[in-house]
Amino acid sequence: MLKLIKNIVVKILLIPVYFYRYAISPLTPPSCRYTPTCSQYTIEALKKHGPFKGSYLSAKRILSCNPWGGSGYDPVPDPTPKDKKTDRKHKNFNYGIIRHTHSSGIFRG
């Protein structure tokens, strides 16, 4: 259910981008500093990262598109894999082996 809501929000956020690409962009001369263009970057970022991180990446990219910003090839970063949650109680457990030292300092396994 949550994934469905996420997809709907992404599609809603893509409407203004597609409007810009097909209605406004053809009326202006090409002046893109980056490859892929900011609109293509936004589409890819929203589809790869979802509405929150995708919007953040898009805003960051659009704000850097100025005379003092960068230029060149700037792809959307790949999503980082989510770490599996570990049980903190057993984090330092070494595969079932608990090692003790005797008070004399001699190791006893």
PDB file of N, CA and C in Angstrom:
ATOM      1  N   MET A   1       0.817  -1.193   0.000  1.00  0.00           N
ATOM      2  CA  MET A   1       0.000   0.000   0.000  1.00  0.00           C
ATOM      3  C   MET A   1       0.859   1.253   0.000  1.00  0.00           C
ATOM      4  N   LEU A   2       1.948   1.195   0.796  1.00  0.00           N
ATOM      5  CA  LEU A   2       2.839   2.350   0.873  1.00  0.00           C
ATOM      6  C   LEU A   2       3.544   2.591  -0.458  1.00  0.00           C
ATOM      7  N   LYS A   3       3.891   1.507  -1.136  1.00  0.00           N
ATOM      8  CA  LYS A   3       4.555   1.625  -2.435  1.00  0.00           C
ATOM      9  C   LYS A   3       3.610   2.253  -3.463  1.00  0.00           C
ATOM     10  N   LEU A   4       2.327   1.925  -3.387  1.00  0.00           N
ATOM     11  CA  LEU A   4       1.329   2.504  -4.281  1.00  0.00           C
ATOM     12  C   LEU A   4       1.222   4.013  -4.073  1.00  0.00           C
ATOM     13  N   ILE A   5       1.196   4.433  -2.822  1.00  0.00           N
ATOM     14  CA  ILE A   5       1.124   5.868  -2.514  1.00  0.00           C
ATOM     15  C   ILE A   5       2.382   6.572  -3.010  1.00  0.00           C
ATOM     16  N   LYS A   6       3.538   5.938  -2.809  1.00  0.00           N
ATOM     17  CA  LYS A   6       4.801   6.513  -3.273  1.00  0.00           C
ATOM     18  C   LYS A   6       4.787   6.698  -4.789  1.00  0.00           C
ATOM     19  N   ASN A   7       4.300   5.698  -5.522  1.00  0.00           N
ATOM     20  CA  ASN A   7       4.235   5.793  -6.984  1.00  0.00           C
ATOM     21  C   ASN A   7       3.281   6.887  -7.438  1.00  0.00           C
ATOM     22  N   ILE A   8       2.158   7.034  -6.739  1.00  0.00           N
ATOM     23  CA  ILE A   8       1.202   8.087  -7.090  1.00  0.00           C
ATOM     24  C   ILE A   8       1.814   9.469  -6.863  1.00  0.00           C
ATOM     25  N   VAL A   9       2.516   9.643  -5.746  1.00  0.00           N
ATOM     26  CA  VAL A   9       3.155  10.928  -5.450  1.00  0.00           C
ATOM     27  C   VAL A   9       4.225  11.240  -6.494  1.00  0.00           C
ATOM     28  N   VAL A  10       4.996  10.234  -6.897  1.00  0.00           N
ATOM     29  CA  VAL A  10       6.022  10.437  -7.923  1.00  0.00           C
ATOM     30  C   VAL A  10       5.376  10.870  -9.238  1.00  0.00           C
ATOM     31  N   LYS A  11       4.285  10.222  -9.624  1.00  0.00           N
ATOM     32  CA  LYS A  11       3.602  10.587 -10.880  1.00  0.00           C
ATOM     33  C   LYS A  11       3.048  12.008 -10.820  1.00  0.00           C
ATOM     34  N   ILE A  12       2.544  12.411  -9.663  1.00  0.00           N
ATOM     35  CA  ILE A  12       2.054  13.789  -9.505  1.00  0.00           C
ATOM     36  C   ILE A  12       3.206  14.788  -9.625  1.00  0.00           C
ATOM     37  N   LEU A  13       4.355  14.450  -9.026  1.00  0.00           N
ATOM     38  CA  LEU A  13       5.520  15.345  -9.111  1.00  0.00           C
ATOM     39  C   LEU A  13       6.098  15.409 -10.521  1.00  0.00           C
ATOM     40  N   LEU A  14       5.869  14.387 -11.327  1.00  0.00           N
ATOM     41  CA  LEU A  14       6.391  14.380 -12.694  1.00  0.00           C
ATOM     42  C   LEU A  14       5.547  15.220 -13.655  1.00  0.00           C
ATOM     43  N   ILE A  15       4.308  15.522 -13.303  1.00  0.00           N
ATOM     44  CA  ILE A  15       3.436  16.297 -14.195  1.00  0.00           C
ATOM     45  C   ILE A  15       4.045  17.649 -14.557  1.00  0.00           C
ATOM     46  N   PRO A  16       4.499  18.477 -13.576  1.00  0.00           N
ATOM     47  CA  PRO A  16       5.097  19.760 -13.970  1.00  0.00           C
ATOM     48  C   PRO A  16       6.380  19.610 -14.790  1.00  0.00           C
ATOM     49  N   VAL A  17       7.130  18.545 -14.555  1.00  0.00           N
ATOM     50  CA  VAL A  17       8.371  18.322 -15.312  1.00  0.00           C
ATOM     51  C   VAL A  17       8.043  18.033 -16.774  1.00  0.00           C
ATOM     52  N   TYR A  18       7.069  17.161 -17.001  1.00  0.00           N
ATOM     53  CA  TYR A  18       6.674  16.862 -18.376  1.00  0.00           C
ATOM     54  C   TYR A  18       6.039  18.089 -19.051  1.00  0.00           C
ATOM     55  N   PHE A  19       5.297  18.872 -18.289  1.00  0.00           N
ATOM     56  CA  PHE A  19       4.734  20.100 -18.845  1.00  0.00           C
ATOM     57  C   PHE A  19       5.860  21.028 -19.301  1.00  0.00           C
ATOM     58  N   TYR A  20       6.876  21.189 -18.450  1.00  0.00           N
ATOM     59  CA  TYR A  20       8.020  22.029 -18.808  1.00  0.00           C
ATOM     60  C   TYR A  20       8.718  21.489 -20.057  1.00  0.00           C
ATOM     61  N   ARG A  21       8.955  20.188 -20.100  1.00  0.00           N
ATOM     62  CA  ARG A  21       9.685  19.589 -21.227  1.00  0.00           C
ATOM     63  C   ARG A  21       8.970  19.765 -22.557  1.00  0.00           C
ATOM     64  N   TYR A  22       7.634  19.646 -22.548  1.00  0.00           N
ATOM     65  CA  TYR A  22       6.911  19.649 -23.817  1.00  0.00           C
ATOM     66  C   TYR A  22       6.236  20.974 -24.150  1.00  0.00           C
ATOM     67  N   ALA A  23       6.058  21.876 -23.187  1.00  0.00           N
ATOM     68  CA  ALA A  23       5.371  23.139 -23.461  1.00  0.00           C
ATOM     69  C   ALA A  23       6.296  24.356 -23.372  1.00  0.00           C
ATOM     70  N   ILE A  24       7.197  24.371 -22.409  1.00  0.00           N
ATOM     71  CA  ILE A  24       8.033  25.557 -22.186  1.00  0.00           C
ATOM     72  C   ILE A  24       9.407  25.410 -22.829  1.00  0.00           C
ATOM     73  N   SER A  25      10.047  24.266 -22.639  1.00  0.00           N
ATOM     74  CA  SER A  25      11.407  24.060 -23.128  1.00  0.00           C
ATOM     75  C   SER A  25      11.562  24.259 -24.643  1.00  0.00           C
ATOM     76  N   PRO A  26      10.620  23.825 -25.488  1.00  0.00           N
ATOM     77  CA  PRO A  26      10.797  24.049 -26.933  1.00  0.00           C
ATOM     78  C   PRO A  26      10.775  25.530 -27.326  1.00  0.00           C
ATOM     79  N   LEU A  27      10.228  26.378 -26.471  1.00  0.00           N
ATOM     80  CA  LEU A  27      10.148  27.813 -26.773  1.00  0.00           C
ATOM     81  C   LEU A  27      11.416  28.572 -26.388  1.00  0.00           C
ATOM     82  N   THR A  28      12.314  27.940 -25.650  1.00  0.00           N
ATOM     83  CA  THR A  28      13.544  28.599 -25.209  1.00  0.00           C
ATOM     84  C   THR A  28      14.753  27.955 -25.900  1.00  0.00           C
ATOM     85  N   PRO A  29      15.806  28.733 -26.087  1.00  0.00           N
ATOM     86  CA  PRO A  29      17.002  28.137 -26.715  1.00  0.00           C
ATOM     87  C   PRO A  29      17.675  27.157 -25.749  1.00  0.00           C
ATOM     88  N   PRO A  30      18.340  26.131 -26.277  1.00  0.00           N
ATOM     89  CA  PRO A  30      19.019  25.173 -25.397  1.00  0.00           C
ATOM     90  C   PRO A  30      20.170  25.846 -24.648  1.00  0.00           C
ATOM     91  N   SER A  31      20.166  25.732 -23.358  1.00  0.00           N
ATOM     92  CA  SER A  31      21.222  26.349 -22.549  1.00  0.00           C
ATOM     93  C   SER A  31      21.612  25.454 -21.386  1.00  0.00           C
ATOM     94  N   CYS A  32      21.565  24.164 -21.587  1.00  0.00           N
ATOM     95  CA  CYS A  32      21.853  23.215 -20.510  1.00  0.00           C
ATOM     96  C   CYS A  32      23.348  23.180 -20.222  1.00  0.00           C
ATOM     97  N   ARG A  33      23.690  23.240 -18.947  1.00  0.00           N
ATOM     98  CA  ARG A  33      25.082  23.166 -18.525  1.00  0.00           C
ATOM     99  C   ARG A  33      25.482  21.726 -18.224  1.00  0.00           C
ATOM    100  N   TYR A  34      24.488  20.908 -17.960  1.00  0.00           N
ATOM    101  CA  TYR A  34      24.747  19.535 -17.532  1.00  0.00           C
ATOM    102  C   TYR A  34      24.225  18.527 -18.545  1.00  0.00           C
ATOM    103  N   THR A  35      24.781  17.323 -18.455  1.00  0.00           N
ATOM    104  CA  THR A  35      24.249  16.176 -19.182  1.00  0.00           C
ATOM    105  C   THR A  35      24.009  15.100 -18.140  1.00  0.00           C
ATOM    106  N   PRO A  36      22.865  14.536 -18.022  1.00  0.00           N
ATOM    107  CA  PRO A  36      21.599  14.804 -18.698  1.00  0.00           C
ATOM    108  C   PRO A  36      21.012  16.142 -18.260  1.00  0.00           C
ATOM    109  N   THR A  37      20.039  16.611 -19.014  1.00  0.00           N
ATOM    110  CA  THR A  37      19.413  17.896 -18.693  1.00  0.00           C
ATOM    111  C   THR A  37      18.751  17.821 -17.317  1.00  0.00           C
ATOM    112  N   CYS A  38      18.450  18.979 -16.754  1.00  0.00           N
ATOM    113  CA  CYS A  38      17.847  19.018 -15.418  1.00  0.00           C
ATOM    114  C   CYS A  38      16.489  18.317 -15.386  1.00  0.00           C
ATOM    115  N   SER A  39      15.713  18.445 -16.453  1.00  0.00           N
ATOM    116  CA  SER A  39      14.410  17.772 -16.448  1.00  0.00           C
ATOM    117  C   SER A  39      14.578  16.258 -16.517  1.00  0.00           C
ATOM    118  N   GLN A  40      15.516  15.774 -17.327  1.00  0.00           N
ATOM    119  CA  GLN A  40      15.774  14.332 -17.385  1.00  0.00           C
ATOM    120  C   GLN A  40      16.342  13.836 -16.061  1.00  0.00           C
ATOM    121  N   TYR A  41      17.207  14.623 -15.440  1.00  0.00           N
ATOM    122  CA  TYR A  41      17.772  14.283 -14.135  1.00  0.00           C
ATOM    123  C   TYR A  41      16.660  14.159 -13.096  1.00  0.00           C
ATOM    124  N   THR A  42      15.702  15.097 -13.122  1.00  0.00           N
ATOM    125  CA  THR A  42      14.590  15.070 -12.180  1.00  0.00           C
ATOM    126  C   THR A  42      13.736  13.824 -12.368  1.00  0.00           C
ATOM    127  N   ILE A  43      13.447  13.484 -13.610  1.00  0.00           N
ATOM    128  CA  ILE A  43      12.653  12.289 -13.888  1.00  0.00           C
ATOM    129  C   ILE A  43      13.366  11.041 -13.362  1.00  0.00           C
ATOM    130  N   GLU A  44      14.654  10.922 -13.651  1.00  0.00           N
ATOM    131  CA  GLU A  44      15.416   9.756 -13.193  1.00  0.00           C
ATOM    132  C   GLU A  44      15.523   9.718 -11.675  1.00  0.00           C
ATOM    133  N   ALA A  45      15.762  10.880 -11.046  1.00  0.00           N
ATOM    134  CA  ALA A  45      15.910  10.930  -9.589  1.00  0.00           C
ATOM    135  C   ALA A  45      14.613  10.539  -8.892  1.00  0.00           C
ATOM    136  N   LEU A  46      13.490  11.029  -9.390  1.00  0.00           N
ATOM    137  CA  LEU A  46      12.207  10.681  -8.779  1.00  0.00           C
ATOM    138  C   LEU A  46      11.889   9.198  -8.950  1.00  0.00           C
ATOM    139  N   LYS A  47      12.202   8.649 -10.104  1.00  0.00           N
ATOM    140  CA  LYS A  47      11.917   7.229 -10.337  1.00  0.00           C
ATOM    141  C   LYS A  47      12.860   6.315  -9.555  1.00  0.00           C
ATOM    142  N   LYS A  48      14.125   6.707  -9.401  1.00  0.00           N
ATOM    143  CA  LYS A  48      15.085   5.873  -8.685  1.00  0.00           C
ATOM    144  C   LYS A  48      14.967   5.993  -7.172  1.00  0.00           C
ATOM    145  N   HIS A  49      14.785   7.236  -6.684  1.00  0.00           N
ATOM    146  CA  HIS A  49      14.892   7.491  -5.250  1.00  0.00           C
ATOM    147  C   HIS A  49      13.572   7.800  -4.559  1.00  0.00           C
ATOM    148  N   GLY A  50      12.502   7.968  -5.317  1.00  0.00           N
ATOM    149  CA  GLY A  50      11.230   8.266  -4.681  1.00  0.00           C
ATOM    150  C   GLY A  50      11.003   9.765  -4.535  1.00  0.00           C
ATOM    151  N   PRO A  51       9.866  10.143  -3.942  1.00  0.00           N
ATOM    152  CA  PRO A  51       9.484  11.552  -3.923  1.00  0.00           C
ATOM    153  C   PRO A  51      10.353  12.440  -3.031  1.00  0.00           C
ATOM    154  N   PHE A  52      10.834  11.948  -1.919  1.00  0.00           N
ATOM    155  CA  PHE A  52      11.561  12.816  -0.996  1.00  0.00           C
ATOM    156  C   PHE A  52      13.005  13.027  -1.408  1.00  0.00           C
ATOM    157  N   LYS A  53      13.773  11.960  -1.496  1.00  0.00           N
ATOM    158  CA  LYS A  53      15.175  12.107  -1.890  1.00  0.00           C
ATOM    159  C   LYS A  53      15.285  12.553  -3.346  1.00  0.00           C
ATOM    160  N   GLY A  54      14.371  12.090  -4.209  1.00  0.00           N
ATOM    161  CA  GLY A  54      14.379  12.520  -5.605  1.00  0.00           C
ATOM    162  C   GLY A  54      14.143  14.018  -5.741  1.00  0.00           C
ATOM    163  N   SER A  55      13.207  14.546  -4.961  1.00  0.00           N
ATOM    164  CA  SER A  55      12.955  15.999  -4.987  1.00  0.00           C
ATOM    165  C   SER A  55      14.157  16.763  -4.463  1.00  0.00           C
ATOM    166  N   TYR A  56      14.784  16.240  -3.410  1.00  0.00           N
ATOM    167  CA  TYR A  56      15.980  16.889  -2.865  1.00  0.00           C
ATOM    168  C   TYR A  56      17.109  16.934  -3.898  1.00  0.00           C
ATOM    169  N   LEU A  57      17.369  15.793  -4.544  1.00  0.00           N
ATOM    170  CA  LEU A  57      18.423  15.747  -5.558  1.00  0.00           C
ATOM    171  C   LEU A  57      18.120  16.686  -6.727  1.00  0.00           C
ATOM    172  N   SER A  58      16.852  16.750  -7.130  1.00  0.00           N
ATOM    173  CA  SER A  58      16.451  17.621  -8.241  1.00  0.00           C
ATOM    174  C   SER A  58      16.634  19.087  -7.887  1.00  0.00           C
ATOM    175  N   ALA A  59      16.199  19.461  -6.684  1.00  0.00           N
ATOM    176  CA  ALA A  59      16.344  20.852  -6.253  1.00  0.00           C
ATOM    177  C   ALA A  59      17.818  21.235  -6.159  1.00  0.00           C
ATOM    178  N   LYS A  60      18.626  20.330  -5.640  1.00  0.00           N
ATOM    179  CA  LYS A  60      20.074  20.573  -5.532  1.00  0.00           C
ATOM    180  C   LYS A  60      20.693  20.787  -6.914  1.00  0.00           C
ATOM    181  N   ARG A  61      20.270  19.975  -7.856  1.00  0.00           N
ATOM    182  CA  ARG A  61      20.796  20.075  -9.221  1.00  0.00           C
ATOM    183  C   ARG A  61      20.361  21.383  -9.887  1.00  0.00           C
ATOM    184  N   ILE A  62      19.076  21.728  -9.767  1.00  0.00           N
ATOM    185  CA  ILE A  62      18.567  22.947 -10.396  1.00  0.00           C
ATOM    186  C   ILE A  62      19.209  24.184  -9.778  1.00  0.00           C
ATOM    187  N   LEU A  63      19.422  24.179  -8.465  1.00  0.00           N
ATOM    188  CA  LEU A  63      20.064  25.324  -7.818  1.00  0.00           C
ATOM    189  C   LEU A  63      21.537  25.465  -8.209  1.00  0.00           C
ATOM    190  N   SER A  64      22.179  24.365  -8.593  1.00  0.00           N
ATOM    191  CA  SER A  64      23.587  24.455  -9.002  1.00  0.00           C
ATOM    192  C   SER A  64      23.734  24.884 -10.458  1.00  0.00           C
ATOM    193  N   CYS A  65      22.623  25.006 -11.170  1.00  0.00           N
ATOM    194  CA  CYS A  65      22.667  25.399 -12.576  1.00  0.00           C
ATOM    195  C   CYS A  65      22.671  26.926 -12.672  1.00  0.00           C
ATOM    196  N   ASN A  66      23.841  27.493 -12.482  1.00  0.00           N
ATOM    197  CA  ASN A  66      24.031  28.940 -12.566  1.00  0.00           C
ATOM    198  C   ASN A  66      25.442  29.196 -13.076  1.00  0.00           C
ATOM    199  N   PRO A  67      25.777  30.448 -13.402  1.00  0.00           N
ATOM    200  CA  PRO A  67      27.116  30.705 -13.954  1.00  0.00           C
ATOM    201  C   PRO A  67      28.274  30.281 -13.048  1.00  0.00           C
ATOM    202  N   TRP A  68      28.054  30.222 -11.738  1.00  0.00           N
ATOM    203  CA  TRP A  68      29.122  29.847 -10.817  1.00  0.00           C
ATOM    204  C   TRP A  68      29.021  28.392 -10.396  1.00  0.00           C
ATOM    205  N   GLY A  69      28.030  27.679 -10.906  1.00  0.00           N
ATOM    206  CA  GLY A  69      27.841  26.262 -10.586  1.00  0.00           C
ATOM    207  C   GLY A  69      28.694  25.391 -11.478  1.00  0.00           C
ATOM    208  N   GLY A  70      28.453  24.115 -11.399  1.00  0.00           N
ATOM    209  CA  GLY A  70      29.224  23.163 -12.191  1.00  0.00           C
ATOM    210  C   GLY A  70      28.652  22.979 -13.584  1.00  0.00           C
ATOM    211  N   SER A  71      29.279  22.073 -14.310  1.00  0.00           N
ATOM    212  CA  SER A  71      28.797  21.713 -15.643  1.00  0.00           C
ATOM    213  C   SER A  71      29.389  20.363 -16.001  1.00  0.00           C
ATOM    214  N   GLY A  72      28.883  19.780 -17.080  1.00  0.00           N
ATOM    215  CA  GLY A  72      29.409  18.501 -17.540  1.00  0.00           C
ATOM    216  C   GLY A  72      28.483  17.355 -17.234  1.00  0.00           C
ATOM    217  N   TYR A  73      29.047  16.153 -17.220  1.00  0.00           N
ATOM    218  CA  TYR A  73      28.264  14.940 -16.999  1.00  0.00           C
ATOM    219  C   TYR A  73      28.009  14.762 -15.509  1.00  0.00           C
ATOM    220  N   ASP A  74      26.741  14.689 -15.130  1.00  0.00           N
ATOM    221  CA  ASP A  74      26.355  14.563 -13.731  1.00  0.00           C
ATOM    222  C   ASP A  74      25.170  13.604 -13.638  1.00  0.00           C
ATOM    223  N   PRO A  75      25.417  12.302 -13.567  1.00  0.00           N
ATOM    224  CA  PRO A  75      24.305  11.338 -13.529  1.00  0.00           C
ATOM    225  C   PRO A  75      23.645  11.289 -12.151  1.00  0.00           C
ATOM    226  N   VAL A  76      22.464  10.737 -12.107  1.00  0.00           N
ATOM    227  CA  VAL A  76      21.768  10.517 -10.841  1.00  0.00           C
ATOM    228  C   VAL A  76      22.511   9.412 -10.099  1.00  0.00           C
ATOM    229  N   PRO A  77      22.826   9.631  -8.810  1.00  0.00           N
ATOM    230  CA  PRO A  77      23.521   8.564  -8.072  1.00  0.00           C
ATOM    231  C   PRO A  77      22.620   7.351  -7.887  1.00  0.00           C
ATOM    232  N   ASP A  78      23.243   6.185  -7.865  1.00  0.00           N
ATOM    233  CA  ASP A  78      22.490   4.955  -7.621  1.00  0.00           C
ATOM    234  C   ASP A  78      22.044   4.918  -6.168  1.00  0.00           C
ATOM    235  N   PRO A  79      20.888   4.323  -5.923  1.00  0.00           N
ATOM    236  CA  PRO A  79      20.442   4.201  -4.533  1.00  0.00           C
ATOM    237  C   PRO A  79      21.382   3.310  -3.746  1.00  0.00           C
ATOM    238  N   THR A  80      21.659   3.706  -2.510  1.00  0.00           N
ATOM    239  CA  THR A  80      22.509   2.881  -1.661  1.00  0.00           C
ATOM    240  C   THR A  80      21.667   1.751  -1.090  1.00  0.00           C
ATOM    241  N   PRO A  81      22.227   0.553  -1.018  1.00  0.00           N
ATOM    242  CA  PRO A  81      21.440  -0.554  -0.461  1.00  0.00           C
ATOM    243  C   PRO A  81      21.166  -0.314   1.022  1.00  0.00           C
ATOM    244  N   LYS A  82      19.972  -0.664   1.447  1.00  0.00           N
ATOM    245  CA  LYS A  82      19.609  -0.485   2.849  1.00  0.00           C
ATOM    246  C   LYS A  82      20.280  -1.568   3.671  1.00  0.00           C
ATOM    247  N   ASP A  83      20.865  -1.145   4.793  1.00  0.00           N
ATOM    248  CA  ASP A  83      21.499  -2.104   5.691  1.00  0.00           C
ATOM    249  C   ASP A  83      20.433  -2.899   6.425  1.00  0.00           C
ATOM    250  N   LYS A  84      20.736  -4.171   6.632  1.00  0.00           N
ATOM    251  CA  LYS A  84      19.822  -4.991   7.416  1.00  0.00           C
ATOM    252  C   LYS A  84      19.942  -4.570   8.873  1.00  0.00           C
ATOM    253  N   LYS A  85      18.819  -4.520   9.537  1.00  0.00           N
ATOM    254  CA  LYS A  85      18.842  -4.167  10.951  1.00  0.00           C
ATOM    255  C   LYS A  85      19.480  -5.310  11.725  1.00  0.00           C
ATOM    256  N   THR A  86      20.396  -4.950  12.592  1.00  0.00           N
ATOM    257  CA  THR A  86      21.044  -5.965  13.410  1.00  0.00           C
ATOM    258  C   THR A  86      20.534  -5.833  14.831  1.00  0.00           C
ATOM    259  N   ASP A  87      20.478  -6.943  15.481  1.00  0.00           N
ATOM    260  CA  ASP A  87      20.071  -6.938  16.873  1.00  0.00           C
ATOM    261  C   ASP A  87      21.269  -6.464  17.685  1.00  0.00           C
ATOM    262  N   ARG A  88      21.163  -5.288  18.255  1.00  0.00           N
ATOM    263  CA  ARG A  88      22.291  -4.701  18.972  1.00  0.00           C
ATOM    264  C   ARG A  88      22.715  -5.536  20.175  1.00  0.00           C
ATOM    265  N   LYS A  89      21.793  -6.294  20.729  1.00  0.00           N
ATOM    266  CA  LYS A  89      22.099  -7.103  21.896  1.00  0.00           C
ATOM    267  C   LYS A  89      23.123  -8.184  21.549  1.00  0.00           C
ATOM    268  N   HIS A  90      23.081  -8.660  20.309  1.00  0.00           N
ATOM    269  CA  HIS A  90      23.975  -9.742  19.900  1.00  0.00           C
ATOM    270  C   HIS A  90      25.023  -9.273  18.890  1.00  0.00           C
ATOM    271  N   LYS A  91      25.256  -7.985  18.816  1.00  0.00           N
ATOM    272  CA  LYS A  91      26.174  -7.444  17.814  1.00  0.00           C
ATOM    273  C   LYS A  91      27.607  -7.941  18.022  1.00  0.00           C
ATOM    274  N   ASN A  92      28.048  -8.027  19.263  1.00  0.00           N
ATOM    275  CA  ASN A  92      29.418  -8.431  19.538  1.00  0.00           C
ATOM    276  C   ASN A  92      29.552  -9.929  19.789  1.00  0.00           C
ATOM    277  N   PHE A  93      28.520 -10.658  19.513  1.00  0.00           N
ATOM    278  CA  PHE A  93      28.540 -12.106  19.693  1.00  0.00           C
ATOM    279  C   PHE A  93      29.302 -12.704  18.530  1.00  0.00           C
ATOM    280  N   ASN A  94      30.346 -13.457  18.797  1.00  0.00           N
ATOM    281  CA  ASN A  94      31.252 -13.948  17.775  1.00  0.00           C
ATOM    282  C   ASN A  94      30.891 -15.370  17.351  1.00  0.00           C
ATOM    283  N   TYR A  95      29.835 -15.527  16.551  1.00  0.00           N
ATOM    284  CA  TYR A  95      29.430 -16.814  16.005  1.00  0.00           C
ATOM    285  C   TYR A  95      29.290 -17.900  17.056  1.00  0.00           C
ATOM    286  N   GLY A  96      28.794 -17.559  18.224  1.00  0.00           N
ATOM    287  CA  GLY A  96      28.538 -18.553  19.255  1.00  0.00           C
ATOM    288  C   GLY A  96      29.720 -18.890  20.118  1.00  0.00           C
ATOM    289  N   ILE A  97      30.857 -18.274  19.878  1.00  0.00           N
ATOM    290  CA  ILE A  97      32.048 -18.568  20.671  1.00  0.00           C
ATOM    291  C   ILE A  97      32.263 -17.417  21.641  1.00  0.00           C
ATOM    292  N   ILE A  98      32.181 -17.734  22.922  1.00  0.00           N
ATOM    293  CA  ILE A  98      32.444 -16.719  23.937  1.00  0.00           C
ATOM    294  C   ILE A  98      33.794 -17.055  24.539  1.00  0.00           C
ATOM    295  N   ARG A  99      34.694 -16.145  24.457  1.00  0.00           N
ATOM    296  CA  ARG A  99      36.052 -16.394  24.935  1.00  0.00           C
ATOM    297  C   ARG A  99      36.253 -15.713  26.284  1.00  0.00           C
ATOM    298  N   HIS A 100      36.842 -16.434  27.202  1.00  0.00           N
ATOM    299  CA  HIS A 100      37.100 -15.912  28.540  1.00  0.00           C
ATOM    300  C   HIS A 100      38.578 -16.056  28.838  1.00  0.00           C
ATOM    301  N   THR A 101      39.054 -15.191  29.665  1.00  0.00           N
ATOM    302  CA  THR A 101      40.417 -15.370  30.164  1.00  0.00           C
ATOM    303  C   THR A 101      40.311 -15.643  31.670  1.00  0.00           C
ATOM    304  N   HIS A 102      41.190 -16.460  32.121  1.00  0.00           N
ATOM    305  CA  HIS A 102      41.236 -16.785  33.527  1.00  0.00           C
ATOM    306  C   HIS A 102      41.886 -15.632  34.261  1.00  0.00           C
ATOM    307  N   SER A 103      41.671 -15.529  35.555  1.00  0.00           N
ATOM    308  CA  SER A 103      42.246 -14.429  36.329  1.00  0.00           C
ATOM    309  C   SER A 103      43.755 -14.438  36.274  1.00  0.00           C
ATOM    310  N   SER A 104      44.365 -15.574  35.972  1.00  0.00           N
ATOM    311  CA  SER A 104      45.817 -15.621  35.865  1.00  0.00           C
ATOM    312  C   SER A 104      46.289 -15.124  34.508  1.00  0.00           C
ATOM    313  N   GLY A 105      45.356 -14.807  33.601  1.00  0.00           N
ATOM    314  CA  GLY A 105      45.718 -14.303  32.290  1.00  0.00           C
ATOM    315  C   GLY A 105      45.827 -15.393  31.242  1.00  0.00           C
ATOM    316  N   ILE A 106      45.614 -16.641  31.654  1.00  0.00           N
ATOM    317  CA  ILE A 106      45.694 -17.760  30.724  1.00  0.00           C
ATOM    318  C   ILE A 106      44.368 -17.867  29.990  1.00  0.00           C
ATOM    319  N   PHE A 107      44.454 -18.014  28.680  1.00  0.00           N
ATOM    320  CA  PHE A 107      43.226 -18.101  27.861  1.00  0.00           C
ATOM    321  C   PHE A 107      42.587 -19.470  28.055  1.00  0.00           C
ATOM    322  N   ARG A 108      41.290 -19.427  28.273  1.00  0.00           N
ATOM    323  CA  ARG A 108      40.515 -20.675  28.346  1.00  0.00           C
ATOM    324  C   ARG A 108      39.376 -20.571  27.351  1.00  0.00           C
ATOM    325  N   GLY A 109      39.349 -21.419  26.332  1.00  0.00           N
ATOM    326  CA  GLY A 109      38.351 -21.389  25.284  1.00  0.00           C
ATOM    327  C   GLY A 109      37.204 -22.192  25.642  1.00  0.00           C
TER     328      GLY A 109
END
